[in-house]
Amino acid sequence: MQKTLILASNSKRRKQILEKIGLRHKVVPSHFDEDLIPLTHGVENYSLEVALSKGRLVSEKYNEDWVLSADTSVYFAGGHLNKPKSHKEAEEMLFSLQGKEHIVTSAIALFHQNRVFSAAHFNKVFFKPFNSDWIRYYHSTIDVLDAAGSYMIDGLSSLFIEKIEGTQESVMGLPVHLLEDLIKKHGGQLCDFTDYSLAPP
């Protein structure tokens, strides 16, 4: 039986990931205010709580559908680096990460018929050293105020990323390798959301 995921996110990168693996979906942004979740939450619990809160708002309207929500947070030096409030803050944030490693946590939640299952995935990202001039140039190429940690994993950032312990999709914002298990917990199959069927012809 063909099914469609409702992506409770306006993230272009999350949409691109679902398109890349061929999952049917439509976008219904949540508009949840992430500032309502205290930053005192630990690195795993923070992302999970935000993902659950985003999805809960949409699933209330689409209870019979499959609602997928997600959140990504950057954790460094004992604190969260969320989306910067200004370009100056973004520059300071990215400069603090240069030459060091940090944690990127992406959490997903899948809602269906009053049930929800969730999971989080940890990534370590290692940056090369770079200078302020390079940061200003890099920030001129992206919507920096919409990027946790003031960077995006795709594009020019590949020039200063030394290595990733994790998956690029997870750092981009959607640990899609966890999705199949969540769908199975709801009694479904990943193939239900593609044009491929496990049923015999």
N, C-alpha and C. Protein backbone atom coordinates (compact mmCIF):
# COMPACT_ATOMS: atom_id res chain seq x y z
N MET A 1 0.84 -1.20 0.00
CA MET A 1 0.00 0.00 0.00
C MET A 1 0.87 1.25 0.00
N GLN A 2 0.65 2.11 -0.95
CA GLN A 2 1.45 3.32 -1.06
C GLN A 2 1.14 4.30 0.06
N LYS A 3 2.21 4.83 0.64
CA LYS A 3 2.07 5.80 1.72
C LYS A 3 2.95 7.01 1.41
N THR A 4 2.66 8.12 2.10
CA THR A 4 3.43 9.35 1.92
C THR A 4 3.82 9.89 3.29
N LEU A 5 5.07 10.25 3.44
CA LEU A 5 5.52 10.89 4.67
C LEU A 5 5.15 12.37 4.64
N ILE A 6 4.76 12.88 5.77
CA ILE A 6 4.62 14.32 5.94
C ILE A 6 5.87 14.81 6.67
N LEU A 7 6.65 15.63 6.01
CA LEU A 7 7.86 16.17 6.60
C LEU A 7 7.53 17.46 7.34
N ALA A 8 7.61 17.40 8.68
CA ALA A 8 7.25 18.56 9.51
C ALA A 8 8.46 19.49 9.64
N SER A 9 8.94 19.94 8.49
CA SER A 9 10.14 20.78 8.47
C SER A 9 10.18 21.55 7.17
N ASN A 10 10.68 22.77 7.24
CA ASN A 10 10.84 23.59 6.05
C ASN A 10 12.28 23.54 5.53
N SER A 11 13.06 22.60 6.08
CA SER A 11 14.48 22.49 5.71
C SER A 11 14.64 21.96 4.29
N LYS A 12 15.32 22.73 3.45
CA LYS A 12 15.58 22.28 2.09
C LYS A 12 16.48 21.06 2.08
N ARG A 13 17.41 21.00 3.04
CA ARG A 13 18.35 19.88 3.08
C ARG A 13 17.65 18.57 3.44
N ARG A 14 16.71 18.61 4.38
CA ARG A 14 15.97 17.40 4.73
C ARG A 14 15.11 16.93 3.55
N LYS A 15 14.51 17.87 2.87
CA LYS A 15 13.72 17.51 1.68
C LYS A 15 14.61 16.88 0.62
N GLN A 16 15.81 17.43 0.43
CA GLN A 16 16.74 16.89 -0.56
C GLN A 16 17.14 15.45 -0.23
N ILE A 17 17.32 15.16 1.05
CA ILE A 17 17.70 13.81 1.46
C ILE A 17 16.59 12.82 1.13
N LEU A 18 15.34 13.19 1.44
CA LEU A 18 14.21 12.29 1.14
C LEU A 18 14.07 12.10 -0.37
N GLU A 19 14.30 13.16 -1.13
CA GLU A 19 14.22 13.04 -2.59
C GLU A 19 15.32 12.13 -3.12
N LYS A 20 16.50 12.24 -2.54
CA LYS A 20 17.64 11.46 -3.01
C LYS A 20 17.41 9.96 -2.86
N ILE A 21 16.72 9.57 -1.78
CA ILE A 21 16.49 8.14 -1.57
C ILE A 21 15.11 7.69 -2.07
N GLY A 22 14.38 8.61 -2.69
CA GLY A 22 13.16 8.24 -3.39
C GLY A 22 11.96 8.00 -2.50
N LEU A 23 11.86 8.70 -1.36
CA LEU A 23 10.70 8.53 -0.48
C LEU A 23 9.63 9.58 -0.79
N ARG A 24 8.41 9.12 -0.99
CA ARG A 24 7.31 10.05 -1.21
C ARG A 24 7.07 10.88 0.04
N HIS A 25 6.90 12.18 -0.16
CA HIS A 25 6.69 13.04 1.00
C HIS A 25 6.07 14.37 0.56
N LYS A 26 5.47 15.04 1.51
CA LYS A 26 5.04 16.41 1.30
C LYS A 26 5.43 17.21 2.54
N VAL A 27 5.68 18.49 2.34
CA VAL A 27 6.20 19.35 3.41
C VAL A 27 5.05 20.09 4.09
N VAL A 28 5.00 19.96 5.41
CA VAL A 28 4.06 20.74 6.23
C VAL A 28 4.88 21.31 7.39
N PRO A 29 5.40 22.53 7.26
CA PRO A 29 6.26 23.10 8.30
C PRO A 29 5.57 23.17 9.65
N SER A 30 6.32 22.92 10.69
CA SER A 30 5.77 22.90 12.04
C SER A 30 5.63 24.29 12.65
N HIS A 31 6.59 25.15 12.41
CA HIS A 31 6.63 26.50 13.00
C HIS A 31 6.73 26.47 14.52
N PHE A 32 7.26 25.38 15.06
CA PHE A 32 7.47 25.32 16.51
C PHE A 32 8.62 26.26 16.89
N ASP A 33 8.45 26.98 17.99
CA ASP A 33 9.47 27.90 18.49
C ASP A 33 10.51 27.12 19.29
N GLU A 34 11.68 26.90 18.71
CA GLU A 34 12.71 26.10 19.35
C GLU A 34 13.23 26.72 20.63
N ASP A 35 13.05 28.03 20.79
CA ASP A 35 13.51 28.71 22.01
C ASP A 35 12.72 28.27 23.25
N LEU A 36 11.61 27.57 23.04
CA LEU A 36 10.82 27.09 24.18
C LEU A 36 11.49 25.91 24.89
N ILE A 37 12.44 25.27 24.24
CA ILE A 37 13.14 24.14 24.85
C ILE A 37 14.39 24.65 25.54
N PRO A 38 14.53 24.44 26.84
CA PRO A 38 15.70 24.97 27.58
C PRO A 38 17.01 24.38 27.07
N LEU A 39 18.01 25.24 26.96
CA LEU A 39 19.33 24.78 26.53
C LEU A 39 20.04 23.98 27.61
N THR A 40 19.42 23.89 28.78
CA THR A 40 20.01 23.09 29.86
C THR A 40 19.86 21.59 29.60
N HIS A 41 19.03 21.24 28.62
CA HIS A 41 18.90 19.83 28.25
C HIS A 41 20.24 19.32 27.72
N GLY A 42 20.56 18.07 27.98
CA GLY A 42 21.78 17.47 27.46
C GLY A 42 21.75 17.40 25.95
N VAL A 43 22.90 17.10 25.35
CA VAL A 43 23.02 17.15 23.90
C VAL A 43 22.03 16.22 23.21
N GLU A 44 21.79 15.02 23.75
CA GLU A 44 20.85 14.10 23.11
C GLU A 44 19.41 14.53 23.39
N ASN A 45 19.10 14.82 24.66
CA ASN A 45 17.73 15.13 25.05
C ASN A 45 17.22 16.41 24.39
N TYR A 46 18.10 17.38 24.17
CA TYR A 46 17.66 18.64 23.56
C TYR A 46 17.11 18.40 22.16
N SER A 47 17.90 17.72 21.31
CA SER A 47 17.46 17.48 19.94
C SER A 47 16.21 16.61 19.89
N LEU A 48 16.14 15.61 20.76
CA LEU A 48 14.95 14.76 20.80
C LEU A 48 13.72 15.56 21.19
N GLU A 49 13.86 16.42 22.18
CA GLU A 49 12.71 17.19 22.66
C GLU A 49 12.21 18.16 21.58
N VAL A 50 13.15 18.79 20.87
CA VAL A 50 12.74 19.71 19.81
C VAL A 50 12.07 18.95 18.67
N ALA A 51 12.66 17.82 18.27
CA ALA A 51 12.07 17.02 17.19
C ALA A 51 10.66 16.56 17.56
N LEU A 52 10.48 16.09 18.79
CA LEU A 52 9.16 15.64 19.23
C LEU A 52 8.16 16.80 19.25
N SER A 53 8.61 17.95 19.70
CA SER A 53 7.71 19.11 19.78
C SER A 53 7.30 19.58 18.39
N LYS A 54 8.23 19.57 17.45
CA LYS A 54 7.90 19.94 16.07
C LYS A 54 6.85 18.99 15.48
N GLY A 55 7.11 17.70 15.63
CA GLY A 55 6.21 16.72 15.04
C GLY A 55 4.85 16.67 15.70
N ARG A 56 4.83 16.93 16.99
CA ARG A 56 3.56 16.86 17.73
C ARG A 56 2.56 17.88 17.19
N LEU A 57 3.03 19.09 16.87
CA LEU A 57 2.14 20.13 16.36
C LEU A 57 1.50 19.70 15.04
N VAL A 58 2.28 19.09 14.16
CA VAL A 58 1.76 18.69 12.85
C VAL A 58 0.89 17.44 12.97
N SER A 59 1.32 16.49 13.81
CA SER A 59 0.57 15.24 13.92
C SER A 59 -0.82 15.44 14.51
N GLU A 60 -1.01 16.50 15.26
CA GLU A 60 -2.34 16.79 15.80
C GLU A 60 -3.34 17.06 14.68
N LYS A 61 -2.84 17.60 13.56
CA LYS A 61 -3.71 17.89 12.41
C LYS A 61 -3.76 16.72 11.43
N TYR A 62 -2.73 15.89 11.45
CA TYR A 62 -2.62 14.78 10.50
C TYR A 62 -2.43 13.47 11.27
N ASN A 63 -3.35 13.17 12.14
CA ASN A 63 -3.19 12.04 13.05
C ASN A 63 -3.11 10.70 12.33
N GLU A 64 -3.82 10.54 11.23
CA GLU A 64 -3.83 9.26 10.51
C GLU A 64 -2.65 9.11 9.57
N ASP A 65 -1.88 10.17 9.37
CA ASP A 65 -0.77 10.14 8.44
C ASP A 65 0.54 9.80 9.16
N TRP A 66 1.60 9.69 8.38
CA TRP A 66 2.94 9.42 8.89
C TRP A 66 3.70 10.73 8.92
N VAL A 67 3.93 11.25 10.10
CA VAL A 67 4.57 12.57 10.25
C VAL A 67 6.00 12.39 10.73
N LEU A 68 6.93 12.91 9.95
CA LEU A 68 8.36 12.83 10.27
C LEU A 68 8.88 14.20 10.66
N SER A 69 9.48 14.29 11.84
CA SER A 69 10.09 15.55 12.27
C SER A 69 11.53 15.30 12.67
N ALA A 70 12.32 16.37 12.72
CA ALA A 70 13.74 16.21 13.01
C ALA A 70 14.30 17.49 13.61
N ASP A 71 15.42 17.35 14.27
CA ASP A 71 16.14 18.52 14.77
C ASP A 71 17.63 18.20 14.81
N THR A 72 18.43 19.20 14.55
CA THR A 72 19.88 19.06 14.58
C THR A 72 20.47 20.14 15.48
N SER A 73 21.37 19.74 16.35
CA SER A 73 22.03 20.71 17.22
C SER A 73 23.53 20.48 17.23
N VAL A 74 24.26 21.56 17.42
CA VAL A 74 25.71 21.52 17.51
C VAL A 74 26.10 21.74 18.96
N TYR A 75 26.98 20.89 19.45
CA TYR A 75 27.38 20.92 20.86
C TYR A 75 28.89 21.08 20.93
N PHE A 76 29.34 22.11 21.64
CA PHE A 76 30.77 22.39 21.70
C PHE A 76 31.11 23.07 23.03
N ALA A 77 32.19 22.61 23.64
CA ALA A 77 32.70 23.21 24.89
C ALA A 77 31.62 23.28 25.96
N GLY A 78 30.82 22.22 26.07
CA GLY A 78 29.82 22.14 27.13
C GLY A 78 28.55 22.91 26.89
N GLY A 79 28.33 23.43 25.67
CA GLY A 79 27.11 24.19 25.41
C GLY A 79 26.61 24.00 23.99
N HIS A 80 25.37 24.42 23.75
CA HIS A 80 24.74 24.30 22.43
C HIS A 80 25.09 25.51 21.57
N LEU A 81 25.38 25.26 20.31
CA LEU A 81 25.56 26.33 19.33
C LEU A 81 24.38 26.26 18.37
N ASN A 82 23.32 26.98 18.68
CA ASN A 82 22.14 26.97 17.84
C ASN A 82 22.31 27.96 16.69
N LYS A 83 21.24 28.25 15.98
CA LYS A 83 21.32 29.21 14.89
C LYS A 83 21.73 30.57 15.43
N PRO A 84 22.71 31.21 14.83
CA PRO A 84 23.16 32.52 15.32
C PRO A 84 22.09 33.59 15.14
N LYS A 85 22.11 34.58 16.00
CA LYS A 85 21.14 35.67 15.94
C LYS A 85 21.61 36.82 15.06
N SER A 86 22.89 36.84 14.73
CA SER A 86 23.44 37.91 13.91
C SER A 86 24.66 37.38 13.15
N HIS A 87 25.11 38.14 12.14
CA HIS A 87 26.29 37.74 11.39
C HIS A 87 27.55 37.82 12.25
N LYS A 88 27.57 38.76 13.17
CA LYS A 88 28.72 38.86 14.07
C LYS A 88 28.81 37.63 14.96
N GLU A 89 27.67 37.22 15.51
CA GLU A 89 27.65 36.01 16.35
C GLU A 89 28.03 34.78 15.53
N ALA A 90 27.58 34.74 14.27
CA ALA A 90 27.91 33.61 13.41
C ALA A 90 29.41 33.52 13.17
N GLU A 91 30.04 34.66 12.93
CA GLU A 91 31.48 34.67 12.70
C GLU A 91 32.24 34.20 13.94
N GLU A 92 31.83 34.69 15.11
CA GLU A 92 32.48 34.29 16.36
C GLU A 92 32.28 32.79 16.62
N MET A 93 31.09 32.32 16.31
CA MET A 93 30.76 30.91 16.53
C MET A 93 31.63 30.00 15.68
N LEU A 94 31.72 30.30 14.39
CA LEU A 94 32.49 29.45 13.50
C LEU A 94 33.99 29.53 13.81
N PHE A 95 34.46 30.72 14.19
CA PHE A 95 35.88 30.86 14.53
C PHE A 95 36.23 30.01 15.75
N SER A 96 35.29 29.90 16.70
CA SER A 96 35.55 29.09 17.89
C SER A 96 35.70 27.62 17.56
N LEU A 97 35.13 27.17 16.42
CA LEU A 97 35.18 25.76 16.04
C LEU A 97 36.43 25.42 15.23
N GLN A 98 37.10 26.42 14.68
CA GLN A 98 38.21 26.13 13.77
C GLN A 98 39.35 25.44 14.50
N GLY A 99 39.86 24.39 13.84
CA GLY A 99 40.96 23.62 14.40
C GLY A 99 40.56 22.68 15.52
N LYS A 100 39.26 22.49 15.72
CA LYS A 100 38.78 21.66 16.84
C LYS A 100 37.71 20.67 16.35
N GLU A 101 37.25 19.84 17.27
CA GLU A 101 36.16 18.92 16.97
C GLU A 101 34.92 19.33 17.76
N HIS A 102 33.76 18.99 17.24
CA HIS A 102 32.51 19.27 17.95
C HIS A 102 31.52 18.15 17.64
N ILE A 103 30.43 18.13 18.37
CA ILE A 103 29.41 17.10 18.21
C ILE A 103 28.19 17.70 17.49
N VAL A 104 27.70 16.97 16.52
CA VAL A 104 26.44 17.33 15.86
C VAL A 104 25.47 16.18 16.13
N THR A 105 24.36 16.51 16.76
CA THR A 105 23.34 15.51 17.07
C THR A 105 22.09 15.78 16.24
N SER A 106 21.63 14.76 15.53
CA SER A 106 20.37 14.87 14.80
C SER A 106 19.39 13.84 15.36
N ALA A 107 18.20 14.31 15.67
CA ALA A 107 17.15 13.44 16.20
C ALA A 107 15.98 13.43 15.23
N ILE A 108 15.31 12.28 15.14
CA ILE A 108 14.10 12.19 14.32
C ILE A 108 12.98 11.57 15.16
N ALA A 109 11.76 11.93 14.81
CA ALA A 109 10.57 11.36 15.46
C ALA A 109 9.56 11.04 14.37
N LEU A 110 8.91 9.89 14.50
CA LEU A 110 7.91 9.47 13.53
C LEU A 110 6.59 9.23 14.25
N PHE A 111 5.58 10.00 13.86
CA PHE A 111 4.26 9.93 14.46
C PHE A 111 3.30 9.22 13.51
N HIS A 112 2.43 8.36 14.08
CA HIS A 112 1.39 7.71 13.28
C HIS A 112 0.32 7.16 14.23
N GLN A 113 -0.90 7.63 14.04
CA GLN A 113 -2.06 7.15 14.79
C GLN A 113 -1.80 7.12 16.31
N ASN A 114 -1.52 8.28 16.84
CA ASN A 114 -1.36 8.48 18.29
C ASN A 114 -0.16 7.74 18.89
N ARG A 115 0.75 7.28 18.06
CA ARG A 115 1.97 6.66 18.56
C ARG A 115 3.17 7.41 17.99
N VAL A 116 4.26 7.40 18.73
CA VAL A 116 5.47 8.06 18.25
C VAL A 116 6.70 7.26 18.68
N PHE A 117 7.65 7.13 17.78
CA PHE A 117 8.94 6.54 18.09
C PHE A 117 10.02 7.52 17.65
N SER A 118 11.09 7.58 18.41
CA SER A 118 12.13 8.57 18.11
C SER A 118 13.51 7.97 18.33
N ALA A 119 14.52 8.63 17.78
CA ALA A 119 15.91 8.18 17.93
C ALA A 119 16.82 9.37 17.65
N ALA A 120 18.03 9.30 18.21
CA ALA A 120 19.02 10.35 17.98
C ALA A 120 20.32 9.73 17.50
N HIS A 121 21.07 10.49 16.73
CA HIS A 121 22.34 10.02 16.17
C HIS A 121 23.42 11.06 16.42
N PHE A 122 24.58 10.59 16.92
CA PHE A 122 25.69 11.48 17.24
C PHE A 122 26.74 11.44 16.14
N ASN A 123 27.27 12.59 15.81
CA ASN A 123 28.36 12.71 14.85
C ASN A 123 29.47 13.57 15.45
N LYS A 124 30.71 13.24 15.15
CA LYS A 124 31.84 14.10 15.49
C LYS A 124 32.35 14.73 14.20
N VAL A 125 32.50 16.05 14.22
CA VAL A 125 32.99 16.78 13.06
C VAL A 125 34.30 17.46 13.45
N PHE A 126 35.32 17.28 12.62
CA PHE A 126 36.64 17.84 12.88
C PHE A 126 36.93 18.92 11.85
N PHE A 127 37.22 20.14 12.33
CA PHE A 127 37.52 21.27 11.45
C PHE A 127 39.03 21.50 11.35
N LYS A 128 39.47 21.90 10.18
CA LYS A 128 40.83 22.39 10.01
C LYS A 128 40.92 23.82 10.56
N PRO A 129 42.11 24.31 10.83
CA PRO A 129 42.26 25.73 11.18
C PRO A 129 41.95 26.61 9.96
N PHE A 130 41.34 27.76 10.19
CA PHE A 130 41.10 28.74 9.11
C PHE A 130 40.98 30.12 9.75
N ASN A 131 41.02 31.17 8.94
CA ASN A 131 41.04 32.52 9.49
C ASN A 131 39.72 33.26 9.27
N SER A 132 39.65 34.45 9.85
CA SER A 132 38.40 35.24 9.81
C SER A 132 38.01 35.66 8.41
N ASP A 133 38.99 35.95 7.56
CA ASP A 133 38.68 36.33 6.18
C ASP A 133 37.95 35.20 5.46
N TRP A 134 38.43 33.98 5.68
CA TRP A 134 37.79 32.84 5.05
C TRP A 134 36.36 32.68 5.57
N ILE A 135 36.17 32.87 6.87
CA ILE A 135 34.83 32.74 7.46
C ILE A 135 33.86 33.74 6.84
N ARG A 136 34.29 35.00 6.70
CA ARG A 136 33.42 36.02 6.10
C ARG A 136 33.06 35.67 4.67
N TYR A 137 34.03 35.15 3.93
CA TYR A 137 33.74 34.72 2.55
C TYR A 137 32.75 33.56 2.56
N TYR A 138 32.99 32.57 3.40
CA TYR A 138 32.11 31.41 3.46
C TYR A 138 30.69 31.83 3.84
N HIS A 139 30.55 32.69 4.83
CA HIS A 139 29.22 33.11 5.28
C HIS A 139 28.49 33.92 4.21
N SER A 140 29.21 34.49 3.26
CA SER A 140 28.54 35.22 2.17
C SER A 140 27.89 34.28 1.17
N THR A 141 28.18 32.98 1.28
CA THR A 141 27.66 32.00 0.32
C THR A 141 26.46 31.22 0.84
N ILE A 142 26.10 31.37 2.12
CA ILE A 142 25.01 30.58 2.69
C ILE A 142 24.07 31.49 3.49
N ASP A 143 22.89 30.97 3.82
CA ASP A 143 21.97 31.65 4.74
C ASP A 143 22.41 31.30 6.15
N VAL A 144 23.40 32.03 6.64
CA VAL A 144 24.08 31.65 7.87
C VAL A 144 23.16 31.69 9.09
N LEU A 145 22.13 32.54 9.07
CA LEU A 145 21.23 32.66 10.22
C LEU A 145 20.26 31.48 10.31
N ASP A 146 20.32 30.58 9.33
CA ASP A 146 19.46 29.39 9.34
C ASP A 146 20.30 28.12 9.52
N ALA A 147 21.50 28.29 10.10
CA ALA A 147 22.42 27.16 10.21
C ALA A 147 22.91 27.00 11.65
N ALA A 148 22.56 25.88 12.28
CA ALA A 148 23.09 25.60 13.61
C ALA A 148 24.61 25.51 13.53
N GLY A 149 25.29 26.17 14.46
CA GLY A 149 26.74 26.18 14.43
C GLY A 149 27.30 27.13 13.41
N SER A 150 26.44 27.83 12.68
CA SER A 150 26.78 28.83 11.65
C SER A 150 27.48 28.24 10.43
N TYR A 151 27.21 26.95 10.14
CA TYR A 151 27.74 26.38 8.90
C TYR A 151 26.79 25.29 8.41
N MET A 152 26.94 24.92 7.14
CA MET A 152 26.19 23.83 6.54
C MET A 152 27.19 22.82 5.99
N ILE A 153 26.90 21.55 6.15
CA ILE A 153 27.88 20.50 5.87
C ILE A 153 28.17 20.36 4.38
N ASP A 154 27.23 20.77 3.52
CA ASP A 154 27.45 20.63 2.09
C ASP A 154 28.07 21.91 1.53
N GLY A 155 28.51 21.85 0.29
CA GLY A 155 29.06 23.02 -0.36
C GLY A 155 30.48 23.35 0.08
N LEU A 156 30.76 24.63 0.25
CA LEU A 156 32.12 25.10 0.53
C LEU A 156 32.67 24.61 1.86
N SER A 157 31.81 24.20 2.76
CA SER A 157 32.31 23.75 4.07
C SER A 157 33.23 22.54 3.93
N SER A 158 33.12 21.82 2.81
CA SER A 158 33.99 20.66 2.61
C SER A 158 35.46 21.06 2.57
N LEU A 159 35.75 22.33 2.34
CA LEU A 159 37.13 22.81 2.29
C LEU A 159 37.77 22.87 3.67
N PHE A 160 36.95 23.02 4.73
CA PHE A 160 37.55 23.12 6.06
C PHE A 160 37.17 21.97 6.99
N ILE A 161 36.45 20.99 6.48
CA ILE A 161 36.13 19.81 7.30
C ILE A 161 37.20 18.75 7.08
N GLU A 162 37.90 18.42 8.13
CA GLU A 162 38.97 17.43 8.04
C GLU A 162 38.42 16.01 7.95
N LYS A 163 37.42 15.71 8.81
CA LYS A 163 36.78 14.40 8.75
C LYS A 163 35.49 14.42 9.55
N ILE A 164 34.66 13.42 9.28
CA ILE A 164 33.40 13.25 10.01
C ILE A 164 33.35 11.83 10.54
N GLU A 165 33.04 11.69 11.81
CA GLU A 165 32.74 10.37 12.37
C GLU A 165 31.22 10.31 12.52
N GLY A 166 30.57 9.74 11.53
CA GLY A 166 29.12 9.71 11.48
C GLY A 166 28.69 9.65 10.02
N THR A 167 27.55 10.25 9.69
CA THR A 167 27.09 10.28 8.30
C THR A 167 26.82 11.72 7.89
N GLN A 168 27.05 12.01 6.62
CA GLN A 168 26.81 13.36 6.13
C GLN A 168 25.34 13.72 6.22
N GLU A 169 24.45 12.75 5.93
CA GLU A 169 23.01 13.03 6.01
C GLU A 169 22.59 13.42 7.42
N SER A 170 23.19 12.78 8.42
CA SER A 170 22.87 13.11 9.80
C SER A 170 23.32 14.51 10.15
N VAL A 171 24.54 14.88 9.72
CA VAL A 171 25.02 16.23 9.99
C VAL A 171 24.19 17.26 9.22
N MET A 172 23.71 16.89 8.05
CA MET A 172 22.84 17.78 7.27
C MET A 172 21.50 18.00 7.95
N GLY A 173 21.09 17.04 8.80
CA GLY A 173 19.85 17.27 9.52
C GLY A 173 18.86 16.13 9.53
N LEU A 174 19.19 15.00 8.86
CA LEU A 174 18.23 13.90 8.83
C LEU A 174 18.98 12.56 8.82
N PRO A 175 19.11 11.91 9.98
CA PRO A 175 19.77 10.59 10.04
C PRO A 175 18.87 9.52 9.44
N VAL A 176 18.81 9.53 8.12
CA VAL A 176 17.82 8.73 7.42
C VAL A 176 18.05 7.23 7.63
N HIS A 177 19.25 6.84 8.01
CA HIS A 177 19.51 5.41 8.23
C HIS A 177 18.75 4.87 9.44
N LEU A 178 18.21 5.78 10.28
CA LEU A 178 17.40 5.36 11.43
C LEU A 178 15.92 5.23 11.09
N LEU A 179 15.53 5.74 9.92
CA LEU A 179 14.11 5.85 9.60
C LEU A 179 13.44 4.50 9.42
N GLU A 180 14.13 3.56 8.79
CA GLU A 180 13.51 2.25 8.54
C GLU A 180 13.07 1.57 9.83
N ASP A 181 13.92 1.64 10.87
CA ASP A 181 13.56 1.01 12.14
C ASP A 181 12.33 1.67 12.76
N LEU A 182 12.22 2.99 12.65
CA LEU A 182 11.05 3.66 13.22
C LEU A 182 9.78 3.28 12.46
N ILE A 183 9.89 3.16 11.14
CA ILE A 183 8.73 2.75 10.35
C ILE A 183 8.29 1.34 10.72
N LYS A 184 9.26 0.44 10.92
CA LYS A 184 8.94 -0.94 11.30
C LYS A 184 8.25 -0.98 12.66
N LYS A 185 8.68 -0.13 13.58
CA LYS A 185 8.04 -0.11 14.91
C LYS A 185 6.57 0.28 14.81
N HIS A 186 6.24 1.06 13.77
CA HIS A 186 4.85 1.44 13.54
C HIS A 186 4.10 0.39 12.73
N GLY A 187 4.79 -0.68 12.35
CA GLY A 187 4.14 -1.74 11.59
C GLY A 187 4.19 -1.55 10.09
N GLY A 188 5.03 -0.65 9.62
CA GLY A 188 5.13 -0.41 8.19
C GLY A 188 6.44 -0.90 7.61
N GLN A 189 6.63 -0.65 6.32
CA GLN A 189 7.86 -1.00 5.61
C GLN A 189 8.35 0.23 4.85
N LEU A 190 9.66 0.39 4.79
CA LEU A 190 10.22 1.53 4.08
C LEU A 190 9.76 1.55 2.62
N CYS A 191 9.65 0.37 2.03
CA CYS A 191 9.24 0.28 0.62
C CYS A 191 7.83 0.83 0.38
N ASP A 192 7.02 0.88 1.44
CA ASP A 192 5.67 1.43 1.30
C ASP A 192 5.69 2.89 0.85
N PHE A 193 6.81 3.57 1.08
CA PHE A 193 6.92 4.99 0.78
C PHE A 193 7.70 5.24 -0.52
N THR A 194 7.97 4.16 -1.26
CA THR A 194 8.68 4.27 -2.54
C THR A 194 7.81 3.67 -3.63
N ASP A 195 8.34 3.70 -4.86
CA ASP A 195 7.63 3.10 -5.98
C ASP A 195 7.96 1.63 -6.13
N TYR A 196 8.73 1.10 -5.15
CA TYR A 196 9.11 -0.30 -5.19
C TYR A 196 8.22 -1.09 -4.23
N SER A 197 7.87 -2.30 -4.59
CA SER A 197 7.02 -3.12 -3.72
C SER A 197 7.68 -4.46 -3.45
N LEU A 198 7.58 -4.91 -2.19
CA LEU A 198 8.10 -6.22 -1.84
C LEU A 198 7.14 -7.35 -2.21
N ALA A 199 5.92 -6.96 -2.56
CA ALA A 199 4.92 -7.96 -2.91
C ALA A 199 5.29 -8.64 -4.23
N PRO A 200 5.03 -9.96 -4.37
CA PRO A 200 5.33 -10.64 -5.64
C PRO A 200 4.48 -10.11 -6.76
N PRO A 201 5.02 -10.08 -7.97
CA PRO A 201 4.25 -9.53 -9.12
C PRO A 201 3.03 -10.41 -9.41
